Amino acid sequence: MRATTLEPATVWWGGGVPERVVWRGSRWRVSDQPTRLTATAEFLPSAMTHAPEQTIGWRFQITAGTESVVVDIVPDAGQWAVARTWS
């Protein structure tokens, strides 16, 4: 099931990738390899074959106890927010 949200989250980083998250009052650990969510600038010519990409968020699985959820996190007003979940 996929849900779209925009809920605040506190994210701890290690080596440039998310490692732990506090979300909905629970502590979660990142339990798989985080994947960058990227976008290509719209002003670049469409013929450009390797346009530079900007990181707009991250997707990864988080686990607390026996529960695991895949989340997308995005920047929101200077903090991080969970934008989508898959359970």
Protein backbone atom coordinates (compact mmCIF):
# COMPACT_ATOMS: atom_id res chain seq x y z
CA MET A 1 0.00 0.00 0.00
CA ARG A 2 1.31 3.46 -0.92
CA ALA A 3 0.45 6.58 1.05
CA THR A 4 1.35 10.19 0.31
CA THR A 5 2.07 12.30 3.38
CA LEU A 6 4.20 15.25 4.43
CA GLU A 7 5.12 14.50 8.02
CA PRO A 8 8.16 15.95 9.81
CA ALA A 9 11.07 13.60 10.47
CA THR A 10 14.45 13.98 12.17
CA VAL A 11 17.22 12.32 10.17
CA TRP A 12 20.73 11.32 11.33
CA TRP A 13 23.37 11.02 8.64
CA GLY A 14 26.52 8.96 8.29
CA GLY A 15 28.83 8.93 5.29
CA GLY A 16 26.48 11.24 3.39
CA VAL A 17 23.45 8.93 3.62
CA PRO A 18 20.58 8.59 6.12
CA GLU A 19 21.25 6.17 9.01
CA ARG A 20 18.47 6.74 11.56
CA VAL A 21 15.09 8.48 11.58
CA VAL A 22 12.68 9.65 14.26
CA TRP A 23 9.22 9.72 12.72
CA ARG A 24 5.74 9.54 14.26
CA GLY A 25 7.33 9.45 17.71
CA SER A 26 9.39 6.30 17.04
CA ARG A 27 13.06 5.66 16.37
CA TRP A 28 13.76 3.82 13.13
CA ARG A 29 17.00 2.50 11.70
CA VAL A 30 17.73 2.53 7.98
CA SER A 31 17.71 -1.15 7.07
CA ASP A 32 18.71 -1.11 3.40
CA GLN A 33 20.80 0.94 0.97
CA PRO A 34 19.38 4.48 0.60
CA THR A 35 18.69 5.61 -2.97
CA ARG A 36 18.94 9.24 -4.05
CA LEU A 37 15.82 10.71 -5.65
CA THR A 38 16.97 13.07 -8.38
CA ALA A 39 15.65 15.60 -10.87
CA THR A 40 17.22 17.17 -13.93
CA ALA A 41 17.00 20.93 -14.31
CA GLU A 42 14.19 21.83 -16.72
CA PHE A 43 16.11 24.70 -18.32
CA LEU A 44 18.71 22.38 -19.88
CA PRO A 45 18.44 21.47 -23.57
CA SER A 46 16.58 18.21 -24.22
CA ALA A 47 19.45 17.01 -26.45
CA MET A 48 21.85 16.94 -23.48
CA THR A 49 22.56 13.26 -22.90
CA HIS A 50 24.11 13.43 -19.43
CA ALA A 51 22.48 16.40 -17.77
CA PRO A 52 23.52 17.10 -14.16
CA GLU A 53 21.07 15.86 -11.58
CA GLN A 54 20.07 17.41 -8.29
CA THR A 55 19.21 15.32 -5.23
CA ILE A 56 15.62 16.11 -4.26
CA GLY A 57 15.20 13.43 -1.60
CA TRP A 58 15.97 9.87 -0.54
CA ARG A 59 14.15 6.50 -0.61
CA PHE A 60 14.99 3.74 1.85
CA GLN A 61 13.54 1.11 4.17
CA ILE A 62 13.29 1.87 7.88
CA THR A 63 12.77 -0.70 10.62
CA ALA A 64 11.61 -0.42 14.23
CA GLY A 65 11.26 -3.71 16.05
CA THR A 66 9.50 -6.08 13.63
CA GLU A 67 7.86 -3.35 11.52
CA SER A 68 9.46 -2.15 8.27
CA VAL A 69 8.33 0.65 5.97
CA VAL A 70 9.80 2.12 2.78
CA VAL A 71 9.82 5.92 2.90
CA ASP A 72 10.68 8.84 0.65
CA ILE A 73 12.08 11.82 2.54
CA VAL A 74 12.29 15.32 1.07
CA PRO A 75 13.47 18.68 2.37
CA ASP A 76 10.60 20.80 3.72
CA ALA A 77 11.08 24.30 5.17
CA GLY A 78 14.69 23.63 6.21
CA GLN A 79 13.95 20.22 7.74
CA TRP A 80 13.17 16.74 6.45
CA ALA A 81 9.71 15.29 5.93
CA VAL A 82 8.36 11.86 4.99
CA ALA A 83 6.60 12.44 1.68
CA ARG A 84 5.55 8.86 0.75
CA THR A 85 5.37 5.51 2.44
CA TRP A 86 5.00 1.93 1.25
CA SER A 87 4.15 -0.80 3.73
